[in-house]
Amino acid sequence: MAITQKAGQFGGESRFTTWAYKFVIFEVSAKVARHFWRHPTRSLDAESWDRLPDRFGFDPARESEWRDLLLALRRAVDTELTPRQREVFVAVALNGVPADALAMKLGSNRNALYKMMFDARRKLRAALVANGYLDDAESRRS
């Protein structure tokens, strides 16, 4: 119904189906973003950090190692990242917020968020290497 209401805006520069697909994609992504921010997920608290090994399906025999690594990662997130990087990293990497929805909420764009995530991952990787949790060779492959 929304397409028929907006059909007058179709300028004829492309096929109608191409225009309609693009229109639907934008409409759906906007509605998903609005829905997400009306019903936000809860943030990752201390208890959630403890559940991460289970969430990722880590091998129980190696769970202690993974818990140490996650504790180091949590410390690095808290100490190495700027508040904005921390907000974006936690939202995207840990809470699974879609980049489009987060960009809308923060008044930014996807490219800026991708750059911020790139910088945050680089800082976190460097902190984990410096503290002996990752090899430098492992760090370069990731």
Protein backbone atom coordinates (compact mmCIF):
# COMPACT_ATOMS: atom_id res chain seq x y z
CA MET A 1 0.00 0.00 0.00
CA ALA A 2 2.87 2.35 0.76
CA ILE A 3 4.24 1.86 -2.76
CA THR A 4 0.93 2.78 -4.36
CA GLN A 5 0.73 5.89 -2.16
CA LYS A 6 4.23 6.96 -3.24
CA ALA A 7 3.90 5.92 -6.91
CA GLY A 8 3.56 9.59 -7.88
CA GLN A 9 7.16 10.12 -6.78
CA PHE A 10 8.42 7.60 -9.34
CA GLY A 11 10.39 9.70 -11.85
CA GLY A 12 11.01 7.10 -14.52
CA GLU A 13 14.82 7.21 -14.28
CA SER A 14 14.89 3.45 -13.67
CA ARG A 15 12.60 0.47 -13.98
CA PHE A 16 9.58 0.69 -11.72
CA THR A 17 10.47 -2.60 -10.01
CA THR A 18 13.96 -1.29 -9.20
CA TRP A 19 12.47 1.85 -7.68
CA ALA A 20 9.91 -0.23 -5.75
CA TYR A 21 12.56 -2.60 -4.35
CA LYS A 22 14.68 0.34 -3.21
CA PHE A 23 11.63 2.00 -1.67
CA VAL A 24 10.71 -1.18 0.23
CA ILE A 25 14.27 -1.67 1.49
CA PHE A 26 14.40 1.89 2.86
CA GLU A 27 10.94 1.63 4.41
CA VAL A 28 11.67 -1.69 6.12
CA SER A 29 15.08 -0.59 7.42
CA ALA A 30 13.56 2.60 8.85
CA LYS A 31 10.77 0.64 10.56
CA VAL A 32 13.23 -1.89 11.97
CA ALA A 33 15.40 0.92 13.31
CA ARG A 34 12.39 2.62 14.94
CA HIS A 35 11.24 -0.68 16.42
CA PHE A 36 14.67 -1.41 17.84
CA TRP A 37 14.92 1.94 19.62
CA ARG A 38 11.39 1.66 20.99
CA HIS A 39 12.23 -1.76 22.44
CA PRO A 40 15.95 -1.63 23.23
CA THR A 41 17.80 -4.66 24.48
CA ARG A 42 19.28 -4.39 27.90
CA SER A 43 22.95 -3.51 28.14
CA LEU A 44 25.66 -6.02 28.87
CA ASP A 45 26.05 -6.06 32.66
CA ALA A 46 28.51 -8.05 34.79
CA GLU A 47 26.29 -11.15 34.72
CA SER A 48 26.06 -11.00 30.93
CA TRP A 49 29.85 -10.87 30.61
CA ASP A 50 29.99 -14.07 32.68
CA ARG A 51 27.55 -15.76 30.29
CA LEU A 52 29.54 -14.93 27.15
CA PRO A 53 31.52 -18.19 27.09
CA ASP A 54 28.23 -20.13 27.12
CA ARG A 55 26.74 -17.84 24.49
CA PHE A 56 29.62 -18.44 22.11
CA GLY A 57 29.70 -22.19 22.74
CA PHE A 58 33.22 -22.34 24.13
CA ASP A 59 34.58 -25.77 24.98
CA PRO A 60 34.00 -26.37 28.74
CA ALA A 61 37.54 -27.70 29.16
CA ARG A 62 38.93 -24.36 27.98
CA GLU A 63 36.31 -22.21 29.69
CA SER A 64 38.75 -20.94 32.32
CA GLU A 65 41.11 -19.66 29.62
CA TRP A 66 38.24 -18.01 27.81
CA ARG A 67 36.99 -16.39 31.02
CA ASP A 68 40.46 -14.90 31.59
CA LEU A 69 40.51 -13.64 28.03
CA LEU A 70 37.02 -12.17 28.36
CA LEU A 71 37.96 -10.48 31.63
CA ALA A 72 40.99 -8.95 29.89
CA LEU A 73 38.78 -7.89 26.99
CA ARG A 74 36.29 -6.32 29.36
CA ARG A 75 39.08 -4.40 31.12
CA ALA A 76 40.40 -3.24 27.75
CA VAL A 77 36.93 -2.10 26.66
CA ASP A 78 36.60 -0.13 29.89
CA THR A 79 40.09 1.41 29.86
CA GLU A 80 41.33 1.62 26.25
CA LEU A 81 38.29 2.84 24.35
CA THR A 82 36.85 6.32 24.30
CA PRO A 83 33.29 6.59 25.64
CA ARG A 84 31.93 6.86 22.08
CA GLN A 85 33.99 3.86 20.88
CA ARG A 86 32.82 1.89 23.92
CA GLU A 87 29.17 2.74 23.22
CA VAL A 88 29.47 1.71 19.56
CA PHE A 89 31.53 -1.44 20.28
CA VAL A 90 29.18 -2.71 22.99
CA ALA A 91 26.11 -1.95 20.88
CA VAL A 92 27.36 -3.53 17.66
CA ALA A 93 29.73 -6.30 18.75
CA LEU A 94 28.13 -7.46 21.99
CA ASN A 95 24.46 -6.50 21.78
CA GLY A 96 24.05 -7.08 18.04
CA VAL A 97 22.54 -3.69 17.25
CA PRO A 98 22.26 -3.19 13.48
CA ALA A 99 24.70 -0.55 12.23
CA ASP A 100 21.92 1.37 10.45
CA ALA A 101 19.83 1.59 13.59
CA LEU A 102 22.79 2.72 15.69
CA ALA A 103 23.81 5.30 13.09
CA MET A 104 20.28 6.71 13.15
CA LYS A 105 20.24 6.91 16.94
CA LEU A 106 23.67 8.54 17.16
CA GLY A 107 23.05 10.94 14.28
CA SER A 108 25.96 9.44 12.37
CA ASN A 109 26.40 7.22 9.34
CA ARG A 110 27.47 3.63 8.70
CA ASN A 111 30.92 4.57 7.43
CA ALA A 112 31.71 6.53 10.59
CA LEU A 113 30.57 3.56 12.70
CA TYR A 114 32.67 1.12 10.67
CA LYS A 115 35.72 3.35 11.13
CA MET A 116 35.02 3.62 14.85
CA MET A 117 34.68 -0.18 15.12
CA PHE A 118 37.92 -0.64 13.17
CA ASP A 119 39.77 1.71 15.52
CA ALA A 120 38.20 0.09 18.60
CA ARG A 121 39.15 -3.43 17.47
CA ARG A 122 42.70 -2.26 16.75
CA LYS A 123 43.00 -0.75 20.26
CA LEU A 124 41.53 -3.86 21.90
CA ARG A 125 43.80 -6.18 19.91
CA ALA A 126 46.86 -4.09 20.86
CA ALA A 127 45.87 -4.18 24.55
CA LEU A 128 45.40 -7.96 24.47
CA VAL A 129 48.79 -8.42 22.74
CA ALA A 130 50.49 -6.08 25.23
CA ASN A 131 49.09 -8.08 28.16
CA GLY A 132 50.09 -11.44 26.67
CA TYR A 133 46.62 -12.73 25.82
CA LEU A 134 47.26 -12.82 22.07
CA ASP A 135 50.38 -13.42 20.01
CA ASP A 136 51.38 -10.59 17.73
CA ALA A 137 51.08 -13.00 14.76
CA GLU A 138 47.49 -13.90 15.80
CA SER A 139 46.72 -10.22 16.08
CA ARG A 140 47.76 -9.50 12.51
CA ARG A 141 45.62 -12.33 11.09
CA SER A 142 42.37 -11.17 12.77
